[in-house]
Amino acid sequence: MAKKAVSILGSTGSIGRQTLEVISSFPGKFNVITLAAKGNLKLLEEQIRKFSPQLVSVAREEDAAELVKRMGRTRTTIYFGDEGLRKAASHERGGILVAAIPGSRALLPTLDAISAGKSIALASKEILVSAGSIVMKAAAASNVRILPLDSEHSAIAQCLKGENDKKVKKIILTASGGPFLRKTAKELRDVTPLQALAHPTWQMGKKVTIDSATLMNKGFEVIEAHHLFGIDYSQIDVLIHTQSIVHSMVEFVDGSVIAQLSSPDMKLAIQYALLNYDRAENNWKKLDLAASSPLTFEKVPAEKFPCLELAFEAGRRGGTAPAVLGASDEAAVELFLSGKIGYEDIPKLAGQVLEKHKIIAHPKIEDIIEAEEWAKRSVSPSQ
């Protein structure tokens, strides 16, 4: 059987590295066709030498020149910038695109891949948060599958497999609660970036780790779930589950609740997507239920996590509202990480920008890009 051709946007990031680890564990199943990375030339060079992709793209022209110099004679063509990113996404030999670049830079390349008939293994939340309706319509028109790489959405897909979608009463996303679940409102005022980056269960990039601390990440997952599974926001709930063993649940109309459980390891969700929802033996850490006990669930303390309700609000408003929330959050997180604003200013600034925005109900891609740029410009530490 022919190997599945894989393209990866964000190959040197956390999801990209784990994707290549999964691919290495199934040497007879996959062939890496293209890689794209922002920088980290040392790691990217190692990936090129190991996987021999046909095309590689980096963010900056000078990095492309340096990579050409380092690689010497190679069959790998090296590009840079947005053009390189789009070439990597839509390469004629690619079969499935792993979209794992934070922010909205992966949006246009992903739409290119969809138009070219590639399956999409989706980790970049901003793609569906900012342009979910456009992306899902494009996927339907091209008969392309969107396969989630998030452990939560992978869990929902597994719970729904073989079920009648019309019998779903509720989707329940689980959240670890991050590092500040037990802190008081007063303690949250003095939170530092270093504290916010110390997630109790998951190892992720800085942006998504901060979003996990504020629960904005979970809010984005709510918006994603709405688009991926065609379910109304009134049918989506979030529960705190500190053990990160139950990754999500689906409640059906008869009262049955089906949950997906596994060790907190993204490689399982990545493998499930790359294998097109098939299962195969692996060497990942297996779940020991007795050692994991007890498994607990609790409601989200809304006063500590205003970002979650902001995301619900943006999702319900629709149009360009989610894109504006995502972009303003990105800008606010950057300000927090650089020490220019406090932790509690993240939801405050994002909420203010969302409130000022004049929503376009049925946006085109150009409207979304313009709304995101406006939102980023509108976030200011002096607000």
Protein backbone atom coordinates (compact mmCIF):
# COMPACT_ATOMS: atom_id res chain seq x y z
CA MET A 1 0.00 0.00 0.00
CA ALA A 2 1.29 3.47 -0.89
CA LYS A 3 2.51 5.66 1.95
CA LYS A 4 0.36 8.62 2.95
CA ALA A 5 2.00 11.90 1.92
CA VAL A 6 2.15 14.39 4.82
CA SER A 7 2.81 18.15 4.85
CA ILE A 8 3.43 19.93 8.15
CA LEU A 9 3.06 23.64 8.83
CA GLY A 10 4.88 24.31 12.10
CA SER A 11 7.26 21.36 12.07
CA THR A 12 9.59 22.71 14.78
CA GLY A 13 6.76 23.53 17.22
CA SER A 14 5.34 21.20 19.85
CA ILE A 15 2.64 19.64 17.64
CA GLY A 16 4.95 19.47 14.63
CA ARG A 17 7.67 17.66 16.59
CA GLN A 18 5.15 15.19 18.01
CA THR A 19 3.68 14.62 14.54
CA LEU A 20 7.12 13.67 13.24
CA GLU A 21 7.55 11.38 16.24
CA VAL A 22 4.30 9.62 15.31
CA ILE A 23 5.42 9.36 11.68
CA SER A 24 8.74 7.86 12.80
CA SER A 25 6.83 5.22 14.77
CA PHE A 26 5.02 4.07 11.61
CA PRO A 27 7.81 3.98 9.00
CA GLY A 28 5.76 2.03 6.48
CA LYS A 29 2.73 4.34 6.52
CA PHE A 30 3.89 7.92 5.94
CA ASN A 31 6.10 9.98 3.69
CA VAL A 32 6.95 13.58 4.63
CA ILE A 33 6.52 15.80 1.54
CA THR A 34 6.82 19.36 2.88
CA LEU A 35 7.80 21.12 6.10
CA ALA A 36 7.33 24.73 7.15
CA ALA A 37 8.75 26.43 10.23
CA LYS A 38 9.17 29.94 11.56
CA GLY A 39 12.83 29.50 12.47
CA ASN A 40 14.85 27.11 14.70
CA LEU A 41 17.14 26.26 11.80
CA LYS A 42 19.15 23.73 13.79
CA LEU A 43 16.10 21.53 14.43
CA LEU A 44 14.71 22.12 10.94
CA GLU A 45 18.01 21.02 9.41
CA GLU A 46 17.84 17.81 11.46
CA GLN A 47 14.27 17.21 10.26
CA ILE A 48 15.26 17.74 6.63
CA ARG A 49 18.16 15.30 6.88
CA LYS A 50 15.97 12.67 8.56
CA PHE A 51 12.77 12.94 6.49
CA SER A 52 14.04 14.29 3.12
CA PRO A 53 11.03 16.47 2.27
CA GLN A 54 10.68 17.80 -1.27
CA LEU A 55 9.96 21.35 -0.12
CA VAL A 56 10.71 23.39 3.01
CA SER A 57 9.64 26.91 3.89
CA VAL A 58 10.89 29.30 6.59
CA ALA A 59 9.55 32.69 7.62
CA ARG A 60 12.47 34.96 6.63
CA GLU A 61 14.52 35.25 3.45
CA GLU A 62 17.80 35.36 5.39
CA ASP A 63 16.89 32.10 7.15
CA ALA A 64 16.20 30.48 3.78
CA ALA A 65 19.64 31.56 2.56
CA GLU A 66 21.27 30.23 5.72
CA LEU A 67 19.42 26.93 5.38
CA VAL A 68 20.56 26.55 1.76
CA LYS A 69 24.13 27.17 2.93
CA ARG A 70 23.85 24.60 5.72
CA MET A 71 22.22 21.90 3.58
CA GLY A 72 24.58 22.12 0.61
CA ARG A 73 23.57 19.68 -2.11
CA THR A 74 20.04 18.49 -1.39
CA ARG A 75 16.92 17.53 -3.29
CA THR A 76 14.87 19.73 -0.96
CA THR A 77 13.70 23.05 -2.45
CA ILE A 78 13.72 25.88 0.10
CA TYR A 79 11.27 28.81 0.10
CA PHE A 80 10.39 31.56 2.54
CA GLY A 81 7.56 33.87 3.62
CA ASP A 82 3.85 33.60 2.92
CA GLU A 83 4.47 32.32 -0.61
CA GLY A 84 6.60 29.48 0.74
CA LEU A 85 3.98 28.66 3.35
CA ARG A 86 1.28 28.38 0.70
CA LYS A 87 3.50 26.27 -1.54
CA ALA A 88 4.20 23.93 1.37
CA ALA A 89 0.48 23.60 2.13
CA SER A 90 -0.71 22.91 -1.42
CA HIS A 91 2.17 20.84 -2.81
CA GLU A 92 0.87 18.58 -5.56
CA ARG A 93 2.19 15.43 -3.88
CA GLY A 94 0.76 16.20 -0.44
CA GLY A 95 -2.14 14.10 0.79
CA ILE A 96 -2.81 15.42 4.29
CA LEU A 97 -1.85 18.79 5.73
CA VAL A 98 -0.99 19.14 9.40
CA ALA A 99 -1.82 22.77 10.24
CA ALA A 100 0.04 23.53 13.47
CA ILE A 101 1.09 27.18 13.25
CA PRO A 102 -0.24 29.42 16.03
CA GLY A 103 -2.05 32.56 14.96
CA SER A 104 -3.91 33.12 11.70
CA ARG A 105 -0.95 32.76 9.30
CA ALA A 106 -2.07 29.23 8.47
CA LEU A 107 -5.56 30.31 7.33
CA LEU A 108 -4.85 31.08 3.66
CA PRO A 109 -2.43 28.15 3.21
CA THR A 110 -5.05 25.82 4.71
CA LEU A 111 -7.71 27.11 2.34
CA ASP A 112 -5.24 26.51 -0.52
CA ALA A 113 -4.80 22.92 0.66
CA ILE A 114 -8.56 22.41 0.88
CA SER A 115 -9.00 23.73 -2.67
CA ALA A 116 -6.31 21.26 -3.76
CA GLY A 117 -8.27 18.41 -2.16
CA LYS A 118 -5.95 17.74 0.79
CA SER A 119 -7.28 16.37 4.08
CA ILE A 120 -6.62 18.73 7.00
CA ALA A 121 -5.28 17.58 10.37
CA LEU A 122 -6.06 20.70 12.34
CA ALA A 123 -4.17 21.99 15.37
CA SER A 124 -4.21 25.74 14.57
CA LYS A 125 -7.25 26.92 16.52
CA GLU A 126 -7.32 30.32 14.85
CA ILE A 127 -8.33 28.79 11.51
CA LEU A 128 -11.80 27.79 12.70
CA VAL A 129 -12.05 30.55 15.32
CA SER A 130 -11.53 33.29 12.76
CA ALA A 131 -13.08 31.74 9.66
CA GLY A 132 -14.93 28.61 10.70
CA SER A 133 -17.94 29.04 8.39
CA ILE A 134 -15.75 29.79 5.37
CA VAL A 135 -13.39 26.87 6.06
CA MET A 136 -16.15 24.31 6.69
CA LYS A 137 -18.05 25.39 3.54
CA ALA A 138 -14.85 25.11 1.50
CA ALA A 139 -14.16 21.65 2.95
CA ALA A 140 -17.68 20.49 2.10
CA ALA A 141 -17.39 21.86 -1.43
CA SER A 142 -14.08 20.05 -1.98
CA ASN A 143 -15.23 16.90 -0.15
CA VAL A 144 -12.31 17.32 2.27
CA ARG A 145 -12.18 16.03 5.84
CA ILE A 146 -11.15 18.28 8.73
CA LEU A 147 -9.53 15.97 11.30
CA PRO A 148 -8.95 17.63 14.69
CA LEU A 149 -5.60 17.24 16.45
CA ASP A 150 -6.76 18.77 19.75
CA SER A 151 -7.19 16.02 22.32
CA GLU A 152 -10.65 17.41 23.18
CA HIS A 153 -12.01 17.44 19.64
CA SER A 154 -10.36 14.13 18.84
CA ALA A 155 -12.15 12.74 21.89
CA ILE A 156 -15.50 14.06 20.64
CA ALA A 157 -14.88 12.55 17.20
CA GLN A 158 -14.13 9.21 18.84
CA CYS A 159 -17.28 9.41 21.00
CA LEU A 160 -19.40 10.20 17.93
CA LYS A 161 -17.99 7.47 15.70
CA GLY A 162 -20.85 5.22 14.62
CA GLU A 163 -23.45 7.40 16.38
CA ASN A 164 -26.36 9.38 14.96
CA ASP A 165 -25.40 13.06 15.16
CA LYS A 166 -29.08 14.01 15.53
CA LYS A 167 -29.23 12.11 18.83
CA VAL A 168 -26.58 14.33 20.48
CA LYS A 169 -27.93 16.40 23.35
CA LYS A 170 -24.71 18.02 24.55
CA ILE A 171 -20.97 18.11 23.99
CA ILE A 172 -18.93 18.45 27.17
CA LEU A 173 -15.37 19.77 26.84
CA THR A 174 -13.05 19.19 29.78
CA ALA A 175 -10.47 21.69 31.04
CA SER A 176 -7.63 21.06 33.48
CA GLY A 177 -8.17 24.45 35.09
CA GLY A 178 -4.54 25.39 34.53
CA PRO A 179 -2.18 26.61 37.24
CA PHE A 180 -4.56 29.15 38.83
CA LEU A 181 -7.71 27.16 39.54
CA ARG A 182 -7.30 27.40 43.32
CA LYS A 183 -5.96 30.96 43.45
CA THR A 184 -8.10 33.76 44.88
CA ALA A 185 -9.08 36.81 42.86
CA LYS A 186 -6.59 38.84 44.89
CA GLU A 187 -3.75 36.40 44.12
CA LEU A 188 -4.52 36.55 40.38
CA ARG A 189 -3.65 40.26 40.32
CA ASP A 190 0.02 39.48 40.93
CA VAL A 191 0.43 36.52 38.58
CA THR A 192 3.69 36.58 36.57
CA PRO A 193 4.31 35.22 33.06
CA LEU A 194 6.59 32.56 34.55
CA GLN A 195 3.78 31.33 36.81
CA ALA A 196 1.27 31.38 33.95
CA LEU A 197 3.61 29.29 31.79
CA ALA A 198 3.81 26.50 34.41
CA HIS A 199 0.92 24.34 33.20
CA PRO A 200 0.25 21.38 35.53
CA THR A 201 -0.34 18.75 32.84
CA TRP A 202 0.49 19.76 29.28
CA GLN A 203 3.73 20.91 27.61
CA MET A 204 2.82 23.49 24.95
CA GLY A 205 3.99 26.68 23.29
CA LYS A 206 3.90 29.96 25.23
CA LYS A 207 0.79 31.44 23.60
CA VAL A 208 -1.41 28.37 24.04
CA THR A 209 -0.10 27.86 27.59
CA ILE A 210 -1.19 31.37 28.60
CA ASP A 211 -4.53 30.82 26.87
CA SER A 212 -4.91 27.59 28.85
CA ALA A 213 -4.28 29.47 32.09
CA THR A 214 -6.98 32.06 31.26
CA LEU A 215 -9.28 29.40 29.71
CA MET A 216 -9.38 31.43 26.51
CA ASN A 217 -7.99 28.32 24.87
CA LYS A 218 -11.02 26.37 26.06
CA GLY A 219 -13.25 29.14 24.74
CA PHE A 220 -11.60 28.82 21.34
CA GLU A 221 -12.22 25.07 21.52
CA VAL A 222 -15.91 25.80 22.12
CA ILE A 223 -15.99 27.81 18.87
CA GLU A 224 -14.11 25.03 17.08
CA ALA A 225 -16.54 22.40 18.35
CA HIS A 226 -19.45 24.47 17.05
CA HIS A 227 -17.98 24.40 13.54
CA LEU A 228 -16.48 20.89 13.54
CA PHE A 229 -19.59 19.12 14.80
CA GLY A 230 -22.33 21.50 13.66
CA ILE A 231 -23.71 21.99 17.15
CA ASP A 232 -25.29 25.08 18.70
CA TYR A 233 -23.47 26.93 21.46
CA SER A 234 -26.36 26.18 23.84
CA GLN A 235 -25.42 22.50 23.52
CA ILE A 236 -21.77 22.94 24.48
CA ASP A 237 -20.63 22.82 28.10
CA VAL A 238 -17.24 22.99 29.83
CA LEU A 239 -16.28 21.17 33.03
CA ILE A 240 -13.07 21.38 35.06
CA HIS A 241 -11.33 18.00 35.18
CA THR A 242 -7.93 18.51 36.78
CA GLN A 243 -6.58 15.03 36.02
CA SER A 244 -6.72 15.53 32.21
CA ILE A 245 -7.69 11.89 31.70
CA VAL A 246 -11.22 12.33 30.34
CA HIS A 247 -10.59 14.47 27.26
CA SER A 248 -14.22 15.19 26.42
CA MET A 249 -17.68 13.65 26.57
CA VAL A 250 -20.87 13.49 24.55
CA GLU A 251 -24.30 13.28 26.15
CA PHE A 252 -27.07 11.73 24.05
CA VAL A 253 -30.83 12.27 24.16
CA ASP A 254 -31.42 9.06 26.12
CA GLY A 255 -29.19 10.25 28.98
CA SER A 256 -26.16 8.15 28.04
CA VAL A 257 -22.78 9.89 28.29
CA ILE A 258 -19.84 8.53 26.29
CA ALA A 259 -16.35 9.68 27.25
CA GLN A 260 -12.88 9.18 25.77
CA LEU A 261 -10.10 8.53 28.28
CA SER A 262 -6.34 8.27 27.79
CA SER A 263 -3.07 9.48 29.25
CA PRO A 264 -2.48 13.22 28.59
CA ASP A 265 -0.41 12.73 25.44
CA MET A 266 -1.10 14.59 22.19
CA LYS A 267 0.50 11.83 20.12
CA LEU A 268 -2.60 9.65 20.45
CA ALA A 269 -4.85 12.34 18.91
CA ILE A 270 -2.24 13.00 16.20
CA GLN A 271 -2.00 9.31 15.36
CA TYR A 272 -5.80 8.96 15.22
CA ALA A 273 -6.05 11.84 12.73
CA LEU A 274 -3.11 10.77 10.55
CA LEU A 275 -4.56 7.25 10.32
CA ASN A 276 -7.90 8.72 9.23
CA TYR A 277 -9.69 7.61 12.43
CA ASP A 278 -8.26 4.10 12.30
CA ARG A 279 -6.44 2.51 15.26
CA ALA A 280 -3.00 0.93 15.49
CA GLU A 281 -0.72 -0.30 18.25
CA ASN A 282 1.86 2.17 19.52
CA ASN A 283 4.41 2.72 22.27
CA TRP A 284 2.73 5.72 23.92
CA LYS A 285 2.11 5.66 27.64
CA LYS A 286 -1.03 3.67 28.43
CA LEU A 287 -3.69 4.68 30.92
CA ASP A 288 -3.67 3.03 34.36
CA LEU A 289 -7.18 3.71 35.66
CA ALA A 290 -6.47 2.54 39.20
CA ALA A 291 -3.42 4.79 39.46
CA SER A 292 -5.40 7.69 37.96
CA SER A 293 -8.20 7.56 40.51
CA PRO A 294 -10.08 9.61 41.54
CA LEU A 295 -11.45 11.35 38.46
CA THR A 296 -13.23 14.56 39.45
CA PHE A 297 -15.39 17.12 37.67
CA GLU A 298 -16.55 20.57 38.70
CA LYS A 299 -18.17 23.64 37.21
CA VAL A 300 -15.96 26.43 35.89
CA PRO A 301 -15.71 29.30 38.42
CA ALA A 302 -16.78 32.01 35.98
CA GLU A 303 -15.44 34.89 38.07
CA LYS A 304 -11.88 33.56 37.74
CA PHE A 305 -12.10 32.81 34.02
CA PRO A 306 -13.92 35.62 32.17
CA CYS A 307 -12.19 34.65 28.92
CA LEU A 308 -14.41 31.58 28.59
CA GLU A 309 -17.62 33.62 28.54
CA LEU A 310 -15.98 36.11 26.15
CA ALA A 311 -15.45 33.26 23.70
CA PHE A 312 -19.04 32.04 24.06
CA GLU A 313 -20.21 35.61 23.47
CA ALA A 314 -18.05 36.05 20.37
CA GLY A 315 -19.20 32.70 19.01
CA ARG A 316 -22.87 33.54 19.52
CA ARG A 317 -22.40 36.93 17.84
CA GLY A 318 -20.71 35.23 14.90
CA GLY A 319 -19.40 36.96 11.78
CA THR A 320 -16.09 38.69 12.44
CA ALA A 321 -16.51 38.68 16.25
CA PRO A 322 -14.52 35.45 16.90
CA ALA A 323 -11.69 36.65 14.64
CA VAL A 324 -11.51 39.93 16.55
CA LEU A 325 -11.45 38.12 19.89
CA GLY A 326 -8.69 35.78 18.72
CA ALA A 327 -6.53 38.60 17.36
CA SER A 328 -7.02 40.87 20.38
CA ASP A 329 -6.21 38.00 22.72
CA GLU A 330 -3.02 37.29 20.74
CA ALA A 331 -1.95 40.91 21.08
CA ALA A 332 -2.84 41.03 24.79
CA VAL A 333 -0.92 37.83 25.53
CA GLU A 334 2.17 39.30 23.83
CA LEU A 335 1.88 42.38 26.04
CA PHE A 336 1.54 40.21 29.14
CA LEU A 337 4.55 38.04 28.25
CA SER A 338 6.64 41.18 27.71
CA GLY A 339 5.61 42.55 31.11
CA LYS A 340 3.64 45.52 29.76
CA ILE A 341 0.26 44.51 31.22
CA GLY A 342 -0.96 42.34 34.09
CA TYR A 343 -2.56 38.90 33.85
CA GLU A 344 -6.06 40.24 34.54
CA ASP A 345 -5.65 42.79 31.74
CA ILE A 346 -5.79 40.04 29.09
CA PRO A 347 -9.59 39.49 29.26
CA LYS A 348 -10.14 43.17 30.01
CA LEU A 349 -8.40 44.38 26.83
CA ALA A 350 -9.81 41.60 24.63
CA GLY A 351 -13.32 42.33 25.90
CA GLN A 352 -12.99 46.06 25.26
CA VAL A 353 -11.86 45.51 21.67
CA LEU A 354 -14.67 43.01 21.05
CA GLU A 355 -17.21 45.51 22.39
CA LYS A 356 -15.93 48.29 20.09
CA HIS A 357 -15.93 46.13 16.97
CA LYS A 358 -18.65 46.58 14.34
CA ILE A 359 -19.41 43.01 13.35
CA ILE A 360 -19.65 41.94 9.71
CA ALA A 361 -22.24 39.17 9.77
CA HIS A 362 -21.19 37.32 6.60
CA PRO A 363 -17.53 38.17 6.07
CA LYS A 364 -15.23 37.31 3.23
CA ILE A 365 -11.63 36.30 3.91
CA GLU A 366 -10.52 39.89 3.26
CA ASP A 367 -12.96 41.13 5.92
CA ILE A 368 -11.60 38.66 8.44
CA ILE A 369 -7.98 39.60 7.79
CA GLU A 370 -8.85 43.30 8.05
CA ALA A 371 -10.79 42.72 11.28
CA GLU A 372 -7.85 40.85 12.81
CA GLU A 373 -5.40 43.59 11.88
CA TRP A 374 -7.75 46.22 13.34
CA ALA A 375 -8.11 44.21 16.55
CA LYS A 376 -4.36 43.90 17.04
CA ARG A 377 -3.88 47.62 16.48
CA SER A 378 -6.67 48.37 18.95
CA VAL A 379 -5.07 46.53 21.87
CA SER A 380 -3.04 49.01 23.90
CA PRO A 381 -1.59 48.78 27.41
CA SER A 382 -2.92 52.31 28.04
CA GLN A 383 -6.56 51.26 27.57
